C-alpha atoms as a PDB file:
ATOM      1  CA  UNK A   1     -28.397  15.896 -57.895  1.00  0.00           C
ATOM      2  CA  UNK A   2     -31.631  14.744 -59.300  1.00  0.00           C
ATOM      3  CA  UNK A   3     -32.918  16.421 -62.591  1.00  0.00           C
ATOM      4  CA  UNK A   4     -35.640  18.999 -61.996  1.00  0.00           C
ATOM      5  CA  UNK A   5     -39.155  17.750 -62.215  1.00  0.00           C
ATOM      6  CA  UNK A   6     -40.296  17.403 -65.902  1.00  0.00           C
ATOM      7  CA  UNK A   7     -36.713  17.609 -67.156  1.00  0.00           C
ATOM      8  CA  UNK A   8     -35.860  15.017 -69.798  1.00  0.00           C
ATOM      9  CA  UNK A   9     -32.521  14.317 -71.150  1.00  0.00           C
ATOM     10  CA  UNK A  10     -32.311  12.631 -74.412  1.00  0.00           C
ATOM     11  CA  UNK A  11     -28.768  11.781 -75.609  1.00  0.00           C
ATOM     12  CA  UNK A  12     -28.186  11.706 -79.333  1.00  0.00           C
ATOM     13  CA  UNK A  13     -31.471  13.332 -80.113  1.00  0.00           C
ATOM     14  CA  UNK A  14     -29.639  14.616 -83.129  1.00  0.00           C
ATOM     15  CA  UNK A  15     -26.659  13.421 -84.990  1.00  0.00           C
ATOM     16  CA  UNK A  16     -23.403  15.218 -85.223  1.00  0.00           C
ATOM     17  CA  UNK A  17     -24.064  15.783 -88.983  1.00  0.00           C
ATOM     18  CA  UNK A  18     -27.465  17.208 -88.144  1.00  0.00           C
ATOM     19  CA  UNK A  19     -25.930  19.539 -85.544  1.00  0.00           C
ATOM     20  CA  UNK A  20     -23.370  20.823 -87.959  1.00  0.00           C
ATOM     21  CA  UNK A  21     -26.276  21.314 -90.438  1.00  0.00           C
ATOM     22  CA  UNK A  22     -28.391  23.251 -87.980  1.00  0.00           C
ATOM     23  CA  UNK A  23     -25.177  25.552 -87.017  1.00  0.00           C
ATOM     24  CA  UNK A  24     -24.765  26.149 -90.511  1.00  0.00           C
ATOM     25  CA  UNK A  25     -28.416  26.959 -91.213  1.00  0.00           C
ATOM     26  CA  UNK A  26     -28.616  29.226 -88.116  1.00  0.00           C
ATOM     27  CA  UNK A  27     -25.279  31.084 -89.108  1.00  0.00           C
ATOM     28  CA  UNK A  28     -26.686  31.684 -92.577  1.00  0.00           C
ATOM     29  CA  UNK A  29     -30.026  32.885 -91.308  1.00  0.00           C
ATOM     30  CA  UNK A  30     -30.739  36.559 -91.854  1.00  0.00           C
ATOM     31  CA  UNK A  31     -33.299  37.033 -89.324  1.00  0.00           C
ATOM     32  CA  UNK A  32     -31.229  37.638 -86.294  1.00  0.00           C
ATOM     33  CA  UNK A  33     -32.254  40.805 -84.313  1.00  0.00           C
ATOM     34  CA  UNK A  34     -30.126  42.881 -81.910  1.00  0.00           C
ATOM     35  CA  UNK A  35     -31.034  42.333 -78.323  1.00  0.00           C
ATOM     36  CA  UNK A  36     -31.621  45.429 -76.087  1.00  0.00           C
ATOM     37  CA  UNK A  37     -31.978  45.053 -72.395  1.00  0.00           C
ATOM     38  CA  UNK A  38     -32.727  48.126 -70.112  1.00  0.00           C
ATOM     39  CA  UNK A  39     -31.694  50.338 -72.869  1.00  0.00           C
ATOM     40  CA  UNK A  40     -28.349  48.647 -73.362  1.00  0.00           C
ATOM     41  CA  UNK A  41     -27.412  46.722 -76.610  1.00  0.00           C
ATOM     42  CA  UNK A  42     -26.380  43.186 -75.604  1.00  0.00           C
ATOM     43  CA  UNK A  43     -23.556  41.306 -76.849  1.00  0.00           C
ATOM     44  CA  UNK A  44     -25.608  38.767 -78.648  1.00  0.00           C
ATOM     45  CA  UNK A  45     -28.420  38.511 -81.162  1.00  0.00           C
ATOM     46  CA  UNK A  46     -31.620  36.518 -81.164  1.00  0.00           C
ATOM     47  CA  UNK A  47     -33.983  34.885 -83.746  1.00  0.00           C
ATOM     48  CA  UNK A  48     -37.396  33.854 -82.752  1.00  0.00           C
ATOM     49  CA  UNK A  49     -40.215  31.659 -84.161  1.00  0.00           C
ATOM     50  CA  UNK A  50     -43.863  31.573 -83.171  1.00  0.00           C
ATOM     51  CA  UNK A  51     -43.566  34.420 -80.668  1.00  0.00           C
ATOM     52  CA  UNK A  52     -40.659  36.706 -79.434  1.00  0.00           C
ATOM     53  CA  UNK A  53     -40.405  38.441 -76.058  1.00  0.00           C
ATOM     54  CA  UNK A  54     -39.355  42.017 -75.869  1.00  0.00           C
ATOM     55  CA  UNK A  55     -37.705  42.889 -72.476  1.00  0.00           C
ATOM     56  CA  UNK A  56     -38.349  46.495 -73.111  1.00  0.00           C
ATOM     57  CA  UNK A  57     -41.871  46.832 -71.882  1.00  0.00           C
ATOM     58  CA  UNK A  58     -42.137  42.822 -71.289  1.00  0.00           C
ATOM     59  CA  UNK A  59     -44.296  42.191 -74.485  1.00  0.00           C
ATOM     60  CA  UNK A  60     -44.892  38.861 -76.269  1.00  0.00           C
ATOM     61  CA  UNK A  61     -45.097  39.667 -79.942  1.00  0.00           C
ATOM     62  CA  UNK A  62     -45.918  37.241 -82.837  1.00  0.00           C
ATOM     63  CA  UNK A  63     -42.912  36.018 -84.672  1.00  0.00           C
ATOM     64  CA  UNK A  64     -42.548  34.022 -88.010  1.00  0.00           C
ATOM     65  CA  UNK A  65     -43.698  30.499 -87.710  1.00  0.00           C
ATOM     66  CA  UNK A  66     -41.521  27.486 -87.126  1.00  0.00           C
ATOM     67  CA  UNK A  67     -39.477  27.059 -90.325  1.00  0.00           C
ATOM     68  CA  UNK A  68     -39.560  23.622 -92.134  1.00  0.00           C
ATOM     69  CA  UNK A  69     -35.943  23.100 -91.113  1.00  0.00           C
ATOM     70  CA  UNK A  70     -36.741  23.004 -87.419  1.00  0.00           C
ATOM     71  CA  UNK A  71     -39.853  21.023 -87.646  1.00  0.00           C
ATOM     72  CA  UNK A  72     -38.306  17.539 -87.805  1.00  0.00           C
ATOM     73  CA  UNK A  73     -36.375  18.184 -84.614  1.00  0.00           C
ATOM     74  CA  UNK A  74     -39.372  19.560 -82.889  1.00  0.00           C
ATOM     75  CA  UNK A  75     -41.268  16.527 -83.835  1.00  0.00           C
ATOM     76  CA  UNK A  76     -38.346  14.206 -82.317  1.00  0.00           C
ATOM     77  CA  UNK A  77     -38.418  16.101 -79.237  1.00  0.00           C
ATOM     78  CA  UNK A  78     -42.378  15.842 -78.756  1.00  0.00           C
ATOM     79  CA  UNK A  79     -41.891  11.822 -79.640  1.00  0.00           C
ATOM     80  CA  UNK A  80     -39.077  11.728 -76.985  1.00  0.00           C
ATOM     81  CA  UNK A  81     -41.193  13.523 -74.228  1.00  0.00           C
ATOM     82  CA  UNK A  82     -44.178  11.323 -75.248  1.00  0.00           C
ATOM     83  CA  UNK A  83     -42.037   8.128 -74.937  1.00  0.00           C
ATOM     84  CA  UNK A  84     -40.725   8.994 -71.472  1.00  0.00           C
ATOM     85  CA  UNK A  85     -43.934  10.632 -69.846  1.00  0.00           C
ATOM     86  CA  UNK A  86     -46.442   9.092 -71.867  1.00  0.00           C
ATOM     87  CA  UNK A  87     -48.527  11.197 -74.488  1.00  0.00           C
ATOM     88  CA  UNK A  88     -51.262  12.379 -72.159  1.00  0.00           C
ATOM     89  CA  UNK A  89     -48.613  14.140 -70.023  1.00  0.00           C
ATOM     90  CA  UNK A  90     -46.225  15.241 -72.592  1.00  0.00           C
ATOM     91  CA  UNK A  91     -48.995  16.670 -75.106  1.00  0.00           C
ATOM     92  CA  UNK A  92     -51.478  17.749 -72.276  1.00  0.00           C
ATOM     93  CA  UNK A  93     -54.245  17.687 -74.918  1.00  0.00           C
ATOM     94  CA  UNK A  94     -52.265  19.614 -77.462  1.00  0.00           C
ATOM     95  CA  UNK A  95     -50.937  18.535 -81.016  1.00  0.00           C
ATOM     96  CA  UNK A  96     -47.417  18.162 -82.012  1.00  0.00           C
ATOM     97  CA  UNK A  97     -47.901  21.302 -84.198  1.00  0.00           C
ATOM     98  CA  UNK A  98     -48.833  23.397 -81.030  1.00  0.00           C
ATOM     99  CA  UNK A  99     -45.209  23.253 -79.916  1.00  0.00           C
ATOM    100  CA  UNK A 100     -43.860  26.007 -82.294  1.00  0.00           C
ATOM    101  CA  UNK A 101     -41.971  28.453 -80.174  1.00  0.00           C
ATOM    102  CA  UNK A 102     -38.270  28.648 -80.563  1.00  0.00           C
ATOM    103  CA  UNK A 103     -35.599  31.128 -79.694  1.00  0.00           C
ATOM    104  CA  UNK A 104     -32.143  30.863 -80.743  1.00  0.00           C
ATOM    105  CA  UNK A 105     -29.163  33.240 -79.415  1.00  0.00           C
ATOM    106  CA  UNK A 106     -26.045  33.926 -81.064  1.00  0.00           C
END
């Protein structure tokens, strides 16, 4: 089965040591929020940067900016997309810093 259009798989985008450091960083982060969906508390928590989506009322709200710990990985993803698709397509007139949304689930 072919990949969906626009999907790029980049093996080894992060090293095993970086993966461990990211997991440790996320695990220690104090910003996890309880997820509520249709009035029910979910069995997971979420942390968002740049913007967060509230399923109750379907609202997009501001969230803290992308932290410095995640910026190098965002930059690598943008570089990989630019290498695969070309900068004109990957960036579509935007700068690297415009890619500033991140949601993690725990």
